[in-house]
Protein backbone atom coordinates (compact mmCIF):
# COMPACT_ATOMS: atom_id res chain seq x y z
CA MET A 1 -12.21 57.06 -107.37
CA VAL A 2 -13.35 53.46 -107.63
CA SER A 3 -10.70 50.80 -107.86
CA THR A 4 -11.02 48.15 -110.53
CA LEU A 5 -13.52 45.46 -109.62
CA ASP A 6 -12.23 41.94 -110.01
CA ASN A 7 -14.17 38.75 -110.67
CA THR A 8 -14.69 38.12 -106.94
CA ASP A 9 -16.18 41.59 -106.45
CA MET A 10 -18.53 41.02 -109.38
CA ARG A 11 -19.61 37.62 -108.02
CA LEU A 12 -20.15 39.18 -104.58
CA LEU A 13 -22.29 41.94 -106.10
CA LYS A 14 -24.34 39.34 -107.99
CA GLU A 15 -24.99 37.39 -104.78
CA LEU A 16 -25.94 40.55 -102.86
CA LYS A 17 -28.32 41.61 -105.64
CA GLU A 18 -30.05 38.24 -105.31
CA ASN A 19 -30.27 38.49 -101.52
CA ALA A 20 -28.81 41.48 -99.69
CA ARG A 21 -29.65 39.83 -96.36
CA GLU A 22 -27.47 36.78 -96.97
CA ASN A 23 -25.02 36.40 -94.13
CA ILE A 24 -21.26 36.70 -94.47
CA ALA A 25 -20.63 33.04 -93.62
CA SER A 26 -22.94 31.87 -96.41
CA LEU A 27 -21.40 34.29 -98.90
CA SER A 28 -17.94 33.13 -97.84
CA LYS A 29 -18.87 29.53 -98.53
CA LYS A 30 -20.47 30.30 -101.92
CA LEU A 31 -17.54 32.41 -103.08
CA GLY A 32 -14.83 30.22 -101.57
CA ILE A 33 -13.13 33.08 -99.74
CA PRO A 34 -12.65 33.81 -96.01
CA ARG A 35 -15.42 35.61 -94.09
CA THR A 36 -13.09 38.47 -93.23
CA THR A 37 -12.39 38.96 -96.94
CA VAL A 38 -16.14 39.04 -97.72
CA HIS A 39 -16.69 41.59 -94.95
CA TYR A 40 -13.78 43.74 -96.14
CA ARG A 41 -14.91 43.64 -99.78
CA ILE A 42 -18.50 44.62 -98.91
CA LYS A 43 -17.21 47.49 -96.77
CA LYS A 44 -14.91 48.62 -99.60
CA LEU A 45 -17.74 48.47 -102.18
CA VAL A 46 -19.92 50.60 -99.90
CA GLU A 47 -17.15 53.13 -99.19
CA GLU A 48 -16.38 53.48 -102.91
CA GLY A 49 -20.04 54.01 -103.76
CA VAL A 50 -20.35 50.86 -105.86
CA ILE A 51 -23.05 49.73 -103.42
CA GLU A 52 -25.27 52.71 -102.67
CA LYS A 53 -27.65 50.99 -100.26
CA PHE A 54 -29.13 47.68 -99.22
CA THR A 55 -32.84 47.48 -99.92
CA VAL A 56 -35.84 45.19 -100.30
CA LYS A 57 -37.75 44.13 -103.39
CA PRO A 58 -41.47 44.30 -102.60
CA ASN A 59 -44.03 41.98 -104.13
CA TYR A 60 -46.20 44.66 -105.71
CA LYS A 61 -49.08 42.29 -106.42
CA LYS A 62 -49.36 41.55 -102.70
CA LEU A 63 -49.30 45.30 -102.05
CA ASN A 64 -52.24 45.73 -104.45
CA LEU A 65 -50.00 47.51 -106.98
CA GLY A 66 -49.95 44.76 -109.59
CA THR A 67 -50.42 46.97 -112.64
CA THR A 68 -47.25 48.51 -114.06
CA ALA A 69 -47.27 51.07 -116.84
CA PHE A 70 -44.67 53.06 -118.70
CA ILE A 71 -45.53 56.54 -119.88
CA LEU A 72 -43.70 58.53 -122.51
CA ALA A 73 -44.13 62.28 -122.12
CA ARG A 74 -43.11 65.34 -124.06
CA TYR A 75 -41.71 68.35 -122.26
CA ASP A 76 -43.39 71.69 -123.00
CA PRO A 77 -40.59 74.28 -123.15
CA ASP A 78 -43.15 77.12 -123.06
CA SER A 79 -44.08 76.17 -119.48
CA GLY A 80 -41.47 78.42 -117.89
CA LEU A 81 -39.95 75.42 -116.10
CA ASN A 82 -36.86 73.54 -117.15
CA GLN A 83 -37.04 69.86 -117.96
CA ARG A 84 -35.41 68.76 -114.69
CA GLU A 85 -37.97 70.72 -112.66
CA VAL A 86 -40.80 69.03 -114.56
CA ALA A 87 -39.18 65.62 -113.99
CA GLU A 88 -38.86 66.34 -110.25
CA ARG A 89 -42.55 67.33 -110.02
CA ILE A 90 -43.51 64.10 -111.76
CA ALA A 91 -41.26 62.11 -109.43
CA ALA A 92 -43.15 63.51 -106.43
CA LEU A 93 -46.47 62.03 -107.59
CA GLU A 94 -47.86 59.08 -105.67
CA GLY A 95 -47.66 55.96 -107.80
CA VAL A 96 -44.62 57.12 -109.77
CA TYR A 97 -41.65 54.78 -109.29
CA GLU A 98 -39.17 55.99 -111.89
CA VAL A 99 -38.65 59.10 -113.99
CA HIS A 100 -35.98 59.24 -116.70
CA ILE A 101 -35.02 62.15 -118.93
CA ILE A 102 -34.39 60.44 -122.26
CA ALA A 103 -33.16 61.17 -125.77
CA GLY A 104 -35.19 60.71 -128.91
CA GLU A 105 -38.72 61.59 -129.97
CA TRP A 106 -39.93 61.70 -126.35
CA ASP A 107 -38.41 63.60 -123.43
CA LEU A 108 -39.42 61.61 -120.33
CA LEU A 109 -39.98 57.96 -119.49
CA ILE A 110 -42.11 57.39 -116.39
CA LYS A 111 -42.82 54.12 -114.59
CA VAL A 112 -45.98 53.92 -112.50
CA ARG A 113 -47.62 51.23 -110.38
CA ALA A 114 -51.28 51.06 -109.41
CA PRO A 115 -53.95 48.51 -108.45
CA SER A 116 -55.53 48.56 -111.92
CA SER A 117 -55.28 50.02 -115.41
CA GLU A 118 -58.14 52.37 -114.49
CA GLU A 119 -56.07 53.77 -111.65
CA VAL A 120 -53.07 54.13 -113.96
CA GLY A 121 -55.39 56.22 -116.12
CA GLN A 122 -56.30 58.36 -113.12
CA ILE A 123 -52.62 59.01 -112.43
CA VAL A 124 -52.08 60.04 -116.06
CA VAL A 125 -55.21 62.12 -116.57
CA ASP A 126 -55.73 63.64 -113.12
CA LYS A 127 -52.15 64.08 -111.94
CA LEU A 128 -49.48 63.78 -114.62
CA ARG A 129 -51.18 65.81 -117.34
CA GLU A 130 -51.98 68.53 -114.81
CA ILE A 131 -48.29 69.21 -114.17
CA LYS A 132 -47.11 72.39 -115.83
CA GLY A 133 -44.52 71.44 -118.44
CA VAL A 134 -46.01 68.07 -119.39
CA GLY A 135 -47.13 67.96 -123.00
CA GLN A 136 -48.37 64.94 -124.90
CA THR A 137 -48.26 61.50 -123.24
CA VAL A 138 -48.46 57.89 -124.39
CA THR A 139 -49.18 55.14 -121.85
CA MET A 140 -48.17 51.50 -122.21
CA VAL A 141 -49.45 48.98 -119.66
CA SER A 142 -47.21 46.00 -119.00
CA PHE A 143 -48.84 42.57 -119.42
CA VAL A 144 -46.12 40.69 -117.54
CA THR A 145 -42.68 41.48 -116.15
CA VAL A 146 -40.10 39.00 -117.39
CA LYS A 147 -37.11 40.67 -115.72
CA GLU A 148 -36.81 43.58 -113.32
CA GLU A 149 -33.79 44.47 -111.24
CA LEU A 150 -33.36 46.89 -108.40
């Protein structure tokens, strides 16, 4: 059970989201609380599962993965697979970064990254649409990312 997060916890989380590598002394100074308190609060947030892991945010353009696309897909219930199994198979594809089972007219929302829109097309046509249980798809290529959080 997670205890109630106070304003200091929320400010600490915000700072760690901006830079998870920031040292305790710097966080202590920014938040105006002792270093031991910062250390204790981070440890508590990890133990309670509020912080699942510390990670990096890659620059995908520098990794030659500058094209982001979102794909809506329909689940084919006649496939013999359940929707979660289909989502897991999609998640295993190279170039797929997120898979969400969603409500509404579509069943799955998929985020992919590739070097170009042509290669996004290859992921959709040659990989995604070949997965048993994937029905109709619609692909939307992102022109620019205004905000993206980890």
